[in-house]
Amino acid sequence: MNLRARPTQEMNVPYPISCPECKQDSWASDIVDLITRFSTSDGTLRCPHCGAGGASIYRESALQEKGEQWRRWIKGVIRIDSDAPTYCPYVFLTAQEEGAPVDGLHFNYYKDTRSSGGRLKHGHGPGGAPVLTPRELMRLVERLIRIGVFSTKDVERLALVASGRRDRKQLPSKRRA
């Protein structure tokens, strides 16, 4: 089955995962399943059949502009450690092309109260996008450095710009993996 031919509109539907190595398809039943069974420790997606990294999920979403679509490949998911027991912010690592490096960060959250008779809620709540504490944001930056979305030099330059000791032009201008 060609999973790219089956775009999904909602974020709470199963996740169709394609492996570029063995060409086998898999499905994660929900976001918790995706994070626990299909993600590596660094957040990238892996194939459960052959164990290869580099798996991806194709998504299309209708934009507010009539006839416009947001097409992206989810290359990974980083769960951001939170101090709240049921609130779990996370970031999808996205790319505009299947073989391209990560060039986007799509912030989301889920709330899992199934263990107490509730349900798994996914997406944006009445307050909007996830809210991160400064500590949670720093944990995310640490993980993004570890997987190569940012370099330590990028973060050092950012700190110098933020402190007024460097010009903003010295920050990286292109997205890269």
C-alpha atoms as a PDB file:
ATOM      1  CA  MET A   1       0.000   0.000   0.000  1.00  0.00           C
ATOM      2  CA  ASN A   2       1.346   3.430  -0.915  1.00  0.00           C
ATOM      3  CA  LEU A   3       0.844   5.473   2.243  1.00  0.00           C
ATOM      4  CA  ARG A   4       1.649   8.710   0.440  1.00  0.00           C
ATOM      5  CA  ALA A   5      -1.511   8.268  -1.606  1.00  0.00           C
ATOM      6  CA  ARG A   6      -3.629   8.308   1.561  1.00  0.00           C
ATOM      7  CA  PRO A   7      -3.354  11.787   3.051  1.00  0.00           C
ATOM      8  CA  THR A   8      -4.736  12.238   6.531  1.00  0.00           C
ATOM      9  CA  GLN A   9      -6.457  15.388   7.690  1.00  0.00           C
ATOM     10  CA  GLU A  10      -6.651  14.921  11.442  1.00  0.00           C
ATOM     11  CA  MET A  11      -3.773  14.528  13.860  1.00  0.00           C
ATOM     12  CA  ASN A  12      -5.593  11.978  16.036  1.00  0.00           C
ATOM     13  CA  VAL A  13      -5.884   9.303  13.366  1.00  0.00           C
ATOM     14  CA  PRO A  14      -3.422   6.416  13.130  1.00  0.00           C
ATOM     15  CA  TYR A  15       0.020   7.268  11.822  1.00  0.00           C
ATOM     16  CA  PRO A  16       1.047   5.523   8.564  1.00  0.00           C
ATOM     17  CA  ILE A  17       4.821   5.013   8.640  1.00  0.00           C
ATOM     18  CA  SER A  18       6.859   4.368   5.476  1.00  0.00           C
ATOM     19  CA  CYS A  19      10.333   2.842   5.508  1.00  0.00           C
ATOM     20  CA  PRO A  20      12.685   3.854   2.684  1.00  0.00           C
ATOM     21  CA  GLU A  21      14.934   0.839   3.324  1.00  0.00           C
ATOM     22  CA  CYS A  22      12.715  -2.257   3.378  1.00  0.00           C
ATOM     23  CA  LYS A  23       9.684  -0.533   1.770  1.00  0.00           C
ATOM     24  CA  GLN A  24       7.369  -2.024   4.408  1.00  0.00           C
ATOM     25  CA  ASP A  25       4.556   0.035   5.855  1.00  0.00           C
ATOM     26  CA  SER A  26       3.552   0.206   9.512  1.00  0.00           C
ATOM     27  CA  TRP A  27       0.885   1.940  11.528  1.00  0.00           C
ATOM     28  CA  ALA A  28       1.111   3.561  14.948  1.00  0.00           C
ATOM     29  CA  SER A  29      -2.325   3.572  16.552  1.00  0.00           C
ATOM     30  CA  ASP A  30      -1.925   6.944  18.289  1.00  0.00           C
ATOM     31  CA  ILE A  31       0.703   9.464  19.366  1.00  0.00           C
ATOM     32  CA  VAL A  32       1.701   7.473  22.452  1.00  0.00           C
ATOM     33  CA  ASP A  33       2.231   4.371  20.299  1.00  0.00           C
ATOM     34  CA  LEU A  34       4.240   6.443  17.801  1.00  0.00           C
ATOM     35  CA  ILE A  35       6.544   7.786  20.499  1.00  0.00           C
ATOM     36  CA  THR A  36       7.003   4.536  22.437  1.00  0.00           C
ATOM     37  CA  ARG A  37       7.249   1.967  19.618  1.00  0.00           C
ATOM     38  CA  PHE A  38       8.445   3.808  16.526  1.00  0.00           C
ATOM     39  CA  SER A  39      10.822   6.522  17.784  1.00  0.00           C
ATOM     40  CA  THR A  40      14.503   6.199  18.555  1.00  0.00           C
ATOM     41  CA  SER A  41      15.997   7.722  21.690  1.00  0.00           C
ATOM     42  CA  ASP A  42      16.943  10.816  19.661  1.00  0.00           C
ATOM     43  CA  GLY A  43      13.379  11.198  18.354  1.00  0.00           C
ATOM     44  CA  THR A  44      13.792  10.039  14.764  1.00  0.00           C
ATOM     45  CA  LEU A  45      11.387   7.462  13.364  1.00  0.00           C
ATOM     46  CA  ARG A  46      12.548   3.896  12.860  1.00  0.00           C
ATOM     47  CA  CYS A  47      11.068   0.957  11.026  1.00  0.00           C
ATOM     48  CA  PRO A  48       9.808  -1.836  13.302  1.00  0.00           C
ATOM     49  CA  HIS A  49      10.400  -4.388  10.521  1.00  0.00           C
ATOM     50  CA  CYS A  50      14.053  -3.803   9.652  1.00  0.00           C
ATOM     51  CA  GLY A  51      15.090  -1.390  12.432  1.00  0.00           C
ATOM     52  CA  ALA A  52      16.315   1.254   9.987  1.00  0.00           C
ATOM     53  CA  GLY A  53      16.081   4.916  10.840  1.00  0.00           C
ATOM     54  CA  GLY A  54      14.807   7.371   8.294  1.00  0.00           C
ATOM     55  CA  ALA A  55      11.177   6.246   8.328  1.00  0.00           C
ATOM     56  CA  SER A  56       8.634   9.004   7.752  1.00  0.00           C
ATOM     57  CA  ILE A  57       4.940   9.839   7.856  1.00  0.00           C
ATOM     58  CA  TYR A  58       3.303  11.809   5.072  1.00  0.00           C
ATOM     59  CA  ARG A  59       0.659  14.342   6.112  1.00  0.00           C
ATOM     60  CA  GLU A  60      -1.554  16.780   4.267  1.00  0.00           C
ATOM     61  CA  SER A  61      -3.706  19.339   6.031  1.00  0.00           C
ATOM     62  CA  ALA A  62      -6.102  21.861   4.552  1.00  0.00           C
ATOM     63  CA  LEU A  63      -5.071  25.441   5.236  1.00  0.00           C
ATOM     64  CA  GLN A  64      -7.495  28.300   5.870  1.00  0.00           C
ATOM     65  CA  GLU A  65      -6.704  29.651   2.415  1.00  0.00           C
ATOM     66  CA  LYS A  66      -9.178  28.028   0.027  1.00  0.00           C
ATOM     67  CA  GLY A  67      -7.638  25.140  -1.894  1.00  0.00           C
ATOM     68  CA  GLU A  68      -4.266  25.386  -0.138  1.00  0.00           C
ATOM     69  CA  GLN A  69      -2.642  22.337   1.482  1.00  0.00           C
ATOM     70  CA  TRP A  70       0.202  21.955   3.952  1.00  0.00           C
ATOM     71  CA  ARG A  71       2.192  18.939   2.787  1.00  0.00           C
ATOM     72  CA  ARG A  72       4.968  17.615   4.981  1.00  0.00           C
ATOM     73  CA  TRP A  73       6.844  14.523   5.993  1.00  0.00           C
ATOM     74  CA  ILE A  74       7.180  13.831   9.693  1.00  0.00           C
ATOM     75  CA  LYS A  75      10.710  12.562  10.243  1.00  0.00           C
ATOM     76  CA  GLY A  76      10.616  12.304  14.015  1.00  0.00           C
ATOM     77  CA  VAL A  77       8.868  13.187  17.229  1.00  0.00           C
ATOM     78  CA  ILE A  78      10.457  14.531  20.395  1.00  0.00           C
ATOM     79  CA  ARG A  79       8.444  14.231  23.574  1.00  0.00           C
ATOM     80  CA  ILE A  80       9.363  17.131  25.824  1.00  0.00           C
ATOM     81  CA  ASP A  81       9.706  16.010  29.429  1.00  0.00           C
ATOM     82  CA  SER A  82       7.090  17.834  31.461  1.00  0.00           C
ATOM     83  CA  ASP A  83       6.543  18.194  35.173  1.00  0.00           C
ATOM     84  CA  ALA A  84       2.783  17.676  34.696  1.00  0.00           C
ATOM     85  CA  PRO A  85       1.958  13.949  34.879  1.00  0.00           C
ATOM     86  CA  THR A  86      -0.727  13.848  32.147  1.00  0.00           C
ATOM     87  CA  TYR A  87       0.303  16.839  29.992  1.00  0.00           C
ATOM     88  CA  CYS A  88       2.886  15.864  27.387  1.00  0.00           C
ATOM     89  CA  PRO A  89       4.155  18.497  24.938  1.00  0.00           C
ATOM     90  CA  TYR A  90       6.020  17.238  21.898  1.00  0.00           C
ATOM     91  CA  VAL A  91       7.449  18.418  18.607  1.00  0.00           C
ATOM     92  CA  PHE A  92       7.157  16.782  15.213  1.00  0.00           C
ATOM     93  CA  LEU A  93      10.366  17.115  13.186  1.00  0.00           C
ATOM     94  CA  THR A  94       9.138  17.874   9.670  1.00  0.00           C
ATOM     95  CA  ALA A  95      10.521  18.258   6.171  1.00  0.00           C
ATOM     96  CA  GLN A  96       8.978  19.641   3.012  1.00  0.00           C
ATOM     97  CA  GLU A  97      10.249  16.726   0.926  1.00  0.00           C
ATOM     98  CA  GLU A  98      10.534  13.051   1.759  1.00  0.00           C
ATOM     99  CA  GLY A  99      14.307  12.825   1.313  1.00  0.00           C
ATOM    100  CA  ALA A 100      15.041  16.287   2.697  1.00  0.00           C
ATOM    101  CA  PRO A 101      16.517  17.075   6.120  1.00  0.00           C
ATOM    102  CA  VAL A 102      14.379  18.397   8.962  1.00  0.00           C
ATOM    103  CA  ASP A 103      13.385  21.988   8.254  1.00  0.00           C
ATOM    104  CA  GLY A 104      10.404  22.489  10.548  1.00  0.00           C
ATOM    105  CA  LEU A 105       9.243  22.036  14.135  1.00  0.00           C
ATOM    106  CA  HIS A 106       5.510  21.405  14.626  1.00  0.00           C
ATOM    107  CA  PHE A 107       4.546  21.867  18.280  1.00  0.00           C
ATOM    108  CA  ASN A 108       1.705  19.813  19.778  1.00  0.00           C
ATOM    109  CA  TYR A 109       0.711  18.177  23.009  1.00  0.00           C
ATOM    110  CA  TYR A 110      -1.321  15.273  24.240  1.00  0.00           C
ATOM    111  CA  LYS A 111      -3.049  14.614  27.513  1.00  0.00           C
ATOM    112  CA  ASP A 112      -3.397  10.980  28.476  1.00  0.00           C
ATOM    113  CA  THR A 113      -5.896  10.301  31.242  1.00  0.00           C
ATOM    114  CA  ARG A 114      -6.797   6.777  30.112  1.00  0.00           C
ATOM    115  CA  SER A 115      -5.274   5.205  33.226  1.00  0.00           C
ATOM    116  CA  SER A 116      -7.880   7.004  35.354  1.00  0.00           C
ATOM    117  CA  GLY A 117     -10.830   6.249  33.055  1.00  0.00           C
ATOM    118  CA  GLY A 118     -10.350   9.288  30.814  1.00  0.00           C
ATOM    119  CA  ARG A 119      -9.205   9.492  27.228  1.00  0.00           C
ATOM    120  CA  LEU A 120      -6.257  10.459  25.069  1.00  0.00           C
ATOM    121  CA  LYS A 121      -6.665  14.069  23.926  1.00  0.00           C
ATOM    122  CA  HIS A 122      -4.377  15.234  21.191  1.00  0.00           C
ATOM    123  CA  GLY A 123      -3.650  18.561  19.534  1.00  0.00           C
ATOM    124  CA  HIS A 124      -4.478  22.068  20.617  1.00  0.00           C
ATOM    125  CA  GLY A 125      -6.683  22.791  23.587  1.00  0.00           C
ATOM    126  CA  PRO A 126      -8.779  25.809  24.374  1.00  0.00           C
ATOM    127  CA  GLY A 127      -5.616  27.687  25.295  1.00  0.00           C
ATOM    128  CA  GLY A 128      -3.926  27.035  21.938  1.00  0.00           C
ATOM    129  CA  ALA A 129      -0.507  25.550  21.320  1.00  0.00           C
ATOM    130  CA  PRO A 130       1.542  23.906  24.081  1.00  0.00           C
ATOM    131  CA  VAL A 131       3.123  26.111  26.709  1.00  0.00           C
ATOM    132  CA  LEU A 132       6.706  25.230  27.611  1.00  0.00           C
ATOM    133  CA  THR A 133       8.528  26.224  30.753  1.00  0.00           C
ATOM    134  CA  PRO A 134      12.023  27.646  30.231  1.00  0.00           C
ATOM    135  CA  ARG A 135      13.430  24.320  31.489  1.00  0.00           C
ATOM    136  CA  GLU A 136      11.333  22.346  28.983  1.00  0.00           C
ATOM    137  CA  LEU A 137      12.471  24.645  26.170  1.00  0.00           C
ATOM    138  CA  MET A 138      16.111  24.101  27.127  1.00  0.00           C
ATOM    139  CA  ARG A 139      15.575  20.310  27.145  1.00  0.00           C
ATOM    140  CA  LEU A 140      14.155  20.603  23.628  1.00  0.00           C
ATOM    141  CA  VAL A 141      17.093  22.712  22.412  1.00  0.00           C
ATOM    142  CA  GLU A 142      19.466  20.132  23.905  1.00  0.00           C
ATOM    143  CA  ARG A 143      17.754  17.347  21.950  1.00  0.00           C
ATOM    144  CA  LEU A 144      17.721  19.402  18.728  1.00  0.00           C
ATOM    145  CA  ILE A 145      21.463  19.952  19.062  1.00  0.00           C
ATOM    146  CA  ARG A 146      21.996  16.236  19.698  1.00  0.00           C
ATOM    147  CA  ILE A 147      20.236  15.257  16.435  1.00  0.00           C
ATOM    148  CA  GLY A 148      21.828  18.017  14.360  1.00  0.00           C
ATOM    149  CA  VAL A 149      18.923  20.425  13.797  1.00  0.00           C
ATOM    150  CA  PHE A 150      21.079  23.078  15.521  1.00  0.00           C
ATOM    151  CA  SER A 151      24.797  23.074  16.148  1.00  0.00           C
ATOM    152  CA  THR A 152      26.374  24.211  19.380  1.00  0.00           C
ATOM    153  CA  LYS A 153      27.868  27.099  17.374  1.00  0.00           C
ATOM    154  CA  ASP A 154      24.332  28.147  16.345  1.00  0.00           C
ATOM    155  CA  VAL A 155      23.288  28.309  20.000  1.00  0.00           C
ATOM    156  CA  GLU A 156      26.479  30.152  21.003  1.00  0.00           C
ATOM    157  CA  ARG A 157      25.857  32.737  18.258  1.00  0.00           C
ATOM    158  CA  LEU A 158      22.244  33.090  19.387  1.00  0.00           C
ATOM    159  CA  ALA A 159      23.377  33.784  22.955  1.00  0.00           C
ATOM    160  CA  LEU A 160      25.818  36.431  21.706  1.00  0.00           C
ATOM    161  CA  VAL A 161      23.123  38.098  19.585  1.00  0.00           C
ATOM    162  CA  ALA A 162      20.614  38.003  22.450  1.00  0.00           C
ATOM    163  CA  SER A 163      23.149  39.626  24.781  1.00  0.00           C
ATOM    164  CA  GLY A 164      23.823  42.365  22.225  1.00  0.00           C
ATOM    165  CA  ARG A 165      27.421  41.306  21.618  1.00  0.00           C
ATOM    166  CA  ARG A 166      26.852  40.129  18.029  1.00  0.00           C
ATOM    167  CA  ASP A 167      24.814  41.230  15.027  1.00  0.00           C
ATOM    168  CA  ARG A 168      21.733  39.186  14.081  1.00  0.00           C
ATOM    169  CA  LYS A 169      23.226  38.680  10.565  1.00  0.00           C
ATOM    170  CA  GLN A 170      25.633  36.170  12.101  1.00  0.00           C
ATOM    171  CA  LEU A 171      22.821  33.725  12.933  1.00  0.00           C
ATOM    172  CA  PRO A 172      22.270  30.824  10.522  1.00  0.00           C
ATOM    173  CA  SER A 173      19.897  31.894   7.767  1.00  0.00           C
ATOM    174  CA  LYS A 174      19.146  28.502   6.245  1.00  0.00           C
ATOM    175  CA  ARG A 175      17.384  25.580   7.842  1.00  0.00           C
ATOM    176  CA  ARG A 176      19.367  22.387   7.965  1.00  0.00           C
ATOM    177  CA  ALA A 177      19.429  18.984   9.571  1.00  0.00           C
END
